[in-house]
Structures are given as C-alpha cells and as structure tokens.
Amino acid sequence: MTAIDSPEKISLPGVFRLDGRIALLTGATGHLGSAMAAALCEAGAKVILSGRNVSGLIALRKKLSEEGYSPDVAIGSLAGAGTLG
C-alpha cells in the first residue's frame, strides 16, 4: 500500500484554517508528504505539490482532485538551490 492509498487521514477542520494561503510542499510523494498535502488542502490552502517523482506527483494530484481539491504540481528538486531569499 502506498501513502496515496492509505486509509488514514489527518483531519484538522477545527484546529486551523489556511484559506487564502499558498503552501509549497516539497517531497510531496512520500508518506508524510502525501498526508500533509491532504491536510493542507483540507485546511483550505492552495497547495503546490513539488518533487522529483513525476508519476507520484501526478497520482497524488489525481487522488486529491477526486477528493475535490485542485493542487498544482512543480516537478524538480530544491537540492543545491543555494540560499533562498
């Protein structure tokens, strides 16, 4: 079973909201990343899924889209990107 197919779901509706915020999630296709992606979407953020695993990103975007969310995808790595700022 992959993280995408996992029946476990983080539910945060009453804890905090991220409406109007953008969340860039690196490593989105891993176990933690896919769970965080679902939680960020549920909290109302506009989520950008990022990573190097193209098929995993597409599968995760499809799964989240089927749940009514509209995540974007950015393929690539931030490793070696230097200092951001």
N, C-alpha and C. Protein backbone atom coordinates (compact mmCIF):
# COMPACT_ATOMS: atom_id res chain seq x y z
N MET A 1 0.85 -1.17 0.00
CA MET A 1 0.00 0.00 0.00
C MET A 1 0.89 1.24 0.00
N THR A 2 0.57 2.20 -0.83
CA THR A 2 1.33 3.44 -0.88
C THR A 2 0.69 4.47 0.03
N ALA A 3 1.41 5.55 0.28
CA ALA A 3 0.87 6.63 1.11
C ALA A 3 -0.37 7.23 0.47
N ILE A 4 -0.43 7.22 -0.85
CA ILE A 4 -1.58 7.81 -1.54
C ILE A 4 -2.84 7.00 -1.26
N ASP A 5 -2.70 5.68 -1.15
CA ASP A 5 -3.85 4.80 -0.93
C ASP A 5 -4.18 4.59 0.54
N SER A 6 -3.41 5.18 1.42
CA SER A 6 -3.59 4.96 2.85
C SER A 6 -4.96 5.41 3.32
N PRO A 7 -5.64 4.59 4.11
CA PRO A 7 -6.96 4.97 4.62
C PRO A 7 -6.88 6.00 5.74
N GLU A 8 -5.69 6.18 6.31
CA GLU A 8 -5.54 7.15 7.40
C GLU A 8 -5.58 8.56 6.84
N LYS A 9 -6.26 9.44 7.55
CA LYS A 9 -6.39 10.81 7.09
C LYS A 9 -6.26 11.74 8.28
N ILE A 10 -5.48 12.78 8.10
CA ILE A 10 -5.35 13.79 9.15
C ILE A 10 -6.53 14.74 8.99
N SER A 11 -7.26 15.01 10.05
CA SER A 11 -8.40 15.91 9.99
C SER A 11 -8.17 17.11 10.89
N LEU A 12 -8.12 18.28 10.29
CA LEU A 12 -7.81 19.49 11.04
C LEU A 12 -8.86 20.59 10.93
N PRO A 13 -10.11 20.30 10.60
CA PRO A 13 -11.04 21.39 10.30
C PRO A 13 -11.24 22.41 11.41
N GLY A 14 -11.25 22.00 12.65
CA GLY A 14 -11.48 22.95 13.72
C GLY A 14 -10.21 23.50 14.33
N VAL A 15 -9.05 22.99 13.91
CA VAL A 15 -7.79 23.39 14.51
C VAL A 15 -7.28 24.69 13.92
N PHE A 16 -7.17 24.75 12.61
CA PHE A 16 -6.75 25.98 11.96
C PHE A 16 -7.18 25.98 10.50
N ARG A 17 -7.24 27.16 9.92
CA ARG A 17 -7.62 27.32 8.52
C ARG A 17 -6.49 28.03 7.79
N LEU A 18 -6.32 27.69 6.53
CA LEU A 18 -5.29 28.30 5.70
C LEU A 18 -5.88 28.92 4.43
N ASP A 19 -7.14 29.31 4.50
CA ASP A 19 -7.80 29.91 3.35
C ASP A 19 -7.02 31.13 2.88
N GLY A 20 -6.82 31.24 1.57
CA GLY A 20 -6.10 32.36 1.00
C GLY A 20 -4.59 32.26 1.09
N ARG A 21 -4.08 31.15 1.64
CA ARG A 21 -2.64 30.95 1.77
C ARG A 21 -2.17 29.95 0.72
N ILE A 22 -0.90 30.06 0.34
CA ILE A 22 -0.29 29.14 -0.60
C ILE A 22 0.72 28.28 0.16
N ALA A 23 0.65 26.97 -0.04
CA ALA A 23 1.57 26.05 0.62
C ALA A 23 2.37 25.31 -0.45
N LEU A 24 3.68 25.50 -0.45
CA LEU A 24 4.57 24.76 -1.34
C LEU A 24 5.09 23.57 -0.55
N LEU A 25 4.71 22.39 -0.97
CA LEU A 25 5.05 21.18 -0.24
C LEU A 25 6.11 20.40 -1.00
N THR A 26 7.34 20.40 -0.50
CA THR A 26 8.42 19.64 -1.13
C THR A 26 8.39 18.21 -0.62
N GLY A 27 8.81 17.28 -1.45
CA GLY A 27 8.77 15.87 -1.06
C GLY A 27 7.35 15.37 -0.91
N ALA A 28 6.47 15.87 -1.75
CA ALA A 28 5.04 15.60 -1.60
C ALA A 28 4.64 14.15 -1.81
N THR A 29 5.46 13.36 -2.50
CA THR A 29 5.03 11.99 -2.82
C THR A 29 5.41 10.97 -1.76
N GLY A 30 6.13 11.36 -0.72
CA GLY A 30 6.47 10.44 0.35
C GLY A 30 5.28 10.21 1.27
N HIS A 31 5.44 9.35 2.25
CA HIS A 31 4.35 9.05 3.18
C HIS A 31 3.90 10.29 3.94
N LEU A 32 4.83 11.02 4.50
CA LEU A 32 4.47 12.24 5.23
C LEU A 32 3.98 13.32 4.29
N GLY A 33 4.63 13.45 3.14
CA GLY A 33 4.26 14.49 2.18
C GLY A 33 2.84 14.35 1.68
N SER A 34 2.43 13.14 1.33
CA SER A 34 1.07 12.96 0.81
C SER A 34 0.02 13.20 1.90
N ALA A 35 0.33 12.82 3.13
CA ALA A 35 -0.60 13.09 4.25
C ALA A 35 -0.68 14.60 4.51
N MET A 36 0.47 15.27 4.46
CA MET A 36 0.48 16.73 4.65
C MET A 36 -0.27 17.44 3.53
N ALA A 37 -0.13 16.94 2.31
CA ALA A 37 -0.83 17.55 1.17
C ALA A 37 -2.34 17.50 1.40
N ALA A 38 -2.83 16.35 1.82
CA ALA A 38 -4.27 16.21 2.08
C ALA A 38 -4.71 17.14 3.22
N ALA A 39 -3.91 17.22 4.27
CA ALA A 39 -4.25 18.08 5.42
C ALA A 39 -4.24 19.55 5.03
N LEU A 40 -3.24 19.97 4.25
CA LEU A 40 -3.17 21.36 3.82
C LEU A 40 -4.35 21.72 2.91
N CYS A 41 -4.72 20.81 2.01
CA CYS A 41 -5.89 21.04 1.16
C CYS A 41 -7.15 21.16 2.01
N GLU A 42 -7.30 20.25 2.96
CA GLU A 42 -8.48 20.26 3.83
C GLU A 42 -8.56 21.56 4.64
N ALA A 43 -7.40 22.10 4.99
CA ALA A 43 -7.36 23.34 5.78
C ALA A 43 -7.60 24.57 4.91
N GLY A 44 -7.73 24.38 3.59
CA GLY A 44 -8.10 25.49 2.71
C GLY A 44 -6.96 26.13 1.94
N ALA A 45 -5.74 25.62 2.08
CA ALA A 45 -4.60 26.21 1.37
C ALA A 45 -4.64 25.86 -0.11
N LYS A 46 -4.07 26.73 -0.92
CA LYS A 46 -3.80 26.42 -2.33
C LYS A 46 -2.46 25.69 -2.30
N VAL A 47 -2.46 24.41 -2.62
CA VAL A 47 -1.28 23.56 -2.45
C VAL A 47 -0.54 23.37 -3.77
N ILE A 48 0.78 23.52 -3.69
CA ILE A 48 1.66 23.21 -4.81
C ILE A 48 2.48 21.99 -4.39
N LEU A 49 2.28 20.89 -5.09
CA LEU A 49 2.99 19.65 -4.81
C LEU A 49 4.31 19.68 -5.57
N SER A 50 5.42 19.46 -4.87
CA SER A 50 6.72 19.52 -5.51
C SER A 50 7.50 18.25 -5.21
N GLY A 51 8.30 17.83 -6.19
CA GLY A 51 9.15 16.66 -6.01
C GLY A 51 9.74 16.23 -7.34
N ARG A 52 10.54 15.17 -7.28
CA ARG A 52 11.20 14.64 -8.48
C ARG A 52 10.47 13.45 -9.07
N ASN A 53 9.57 12.85 -8.30
CA ASN A 53 8.85 11.65 -8.73
C ASN A 53 7.62 12.07 -9.54
N VAL A 54 7.78 12.17 -10.86
CA VAL A 54 6.73 12.68 -11.73
C VAL A 54 5.45 11.84 -11.63
N SER A 55 5.58 10.52 -11.74
CA SER A 55 4.38 9.67 -11.69
C SER A 55 3.70 9.76 -10.33
N GLY A 56 4.50 9.87 -9.27
CA GLY A 56 3.93 10.02 -7.93
C GLY A 56 3.18 11.33 -7.76
N LEU A 57 3.73 12.41 -8.32
CA LEU A 57 3.07 13.72 -8.24
C LEU A 57 1.75 13.70 -9.01
N ILE A 58 1.77 13.10 -10.18
CA ILE A 58 0.54 13.02 -10.98
C ILE A 58 -0.51 12.19 -10.27
N ALA A 59 -0.10 11.06 -9.68
CA ALA A 59 -1.04 10.20 -8.95
C ALA A 59 -1.62 10.93 -7.73
N LEU A 60 -0.77 11.66 -7.02
CA LEU A 60 -1.25 12.39 -5.84
C LEU A 60 -2.20 13.51 -6.26
N ARG A 61 -1.85 14.24 -7.32
CA ARG A 61 -2.75 15.30 -7.80
C ARG A 61 -4.10 14.71 -8.20
N LYS A 62 -4.09 13.55 -8.88
CA LYS A 62 -5.35 12.90 -9.28
C LYS A 62 -6.17 12.51 -8.06
N LYS A 63 -5.51 11.92 -7.05
CA LYS A 63 -6.20 11.50 -5.83
C LYS A 63 -6.83 12.70 -5.13
N LEU A 64 -6.07 13.79 -4.99
CA LEU A 64 -6.60 14.98 -4.32
C LEU A 64 -7.71 15.64 -5.15
N SER A 65 -7.57 15.59 -6.46
CA SER A 65 -8.61 16.14 -7.34
C SER A 65 -9.91 15.37 -7.19
N GLU A 66 -9.81 14.05 -7.04
CA GLU A 66 -11.00 13.22 -6.84
C GLU A 66 -11.68 13.53 -5.52
N GLU A 67 -10.93 14.09 -4.57
CA GLU A 67 -11.49 14.48 -3.28
C GLU A 67 -12.01 15.92 -3.29
N GLY A 68 -11.93 16.58 -4.46
CA GLY A 68 -12.49 17.92 -4.61
C GLY A 68 -11.50 19.06 -4.48
N TYR A 69 -10.20 18.75 -4.43
CA TYR A 69 -9.18 19.79 -4.30
C TYR A 69 -8.52 20.03 -5.66
N SER A 70 -7.79 21.14 -5.78
CA SER A 70 -7.14 21.49 -7.05
C SER A 70 -5.67 21.84 -6.84
N PRO A 71 -4.85 20.87 -6.47
CA PRO A 71 -3.44 21.18 -6.26
C PRO A 71 -2.70 21.39 -7.59
N ASP A 72 -1.66 22.21 -7.56
CA ASP A 72 -0.77 22.39 -8.69
C ASP A 72 0.44 21.49 -8.48
N VAL A 73 1.22 21.29 -9.53
CA VAL A 73 2.41 20.43 -9.45
C VAL A 73 3.61 21.20 -9.98
N ALA A 74 4.73 21.09 -9.25
CA ALA A 74 6.02 21.65 -9.67
C ALA A 74 7.04 20.52 -9.60
N ILE A 75 7.52 20.11 -10.77
CA ILE A 75 8.45 18.98 -10.82
C ILE A 75 9.88 19.50 -10.73
N GLY A 76 10.64 18.92 -9.81
CA GLY A 76 12.04 19.31 -9.67
C GLY A 76 12.53 19.13 -8.26
N SER A 77 13.75 19.59 -8.03
CA SER A 77 14.39 19.45 -6.72
C SER A 77 14.93 20.80 -6.28
N LEU A 78 14.86 21.07 -5.00
CA LEU A 78 15.44 22.28 -4.44
C LEU A 78 16.84 22.02 -3.91
N ALA A 79 17.29 20.77 -3.98
CA ALA A 79 18.64 20.43 -3.51
C ALA A 79 19.66 21.20 -4.34
N GLY A 80 20.58 21.85 -3.68
CA GLY A 80 21.61 22.60 -4.37
C GLY A 80 21.15 23.94 -4.88
N ALA A 81 19.96 24.35 -4.48
CA ALA A 81 19.43 25.63 -4.96
C ALA A 81 20.11 26.82 -4.30
N GLY A 82 20.93 26.55 -3.28
CA GLY A 82 21.59 27.64 -2.59
C GLY A 82 20.66 28.30 -1.60
N THR A 83 20.97 29.48 -1.23
CA THR A 83 20.16 30.21 -0.26
C THR A 83 18.99 30.86 -0.97
N LEU A 84 17.80 30.58 -0.46
CA LEU A 84 16.61 31.22 -1.00
C LEU A 84 16.41 32.56 -0.32
N GLY A 85 16.00 33.53 -1.05
CA GLY A 85 15.75 34.81 -0.40
C GLY A 85 15.77 35.97 -1.26
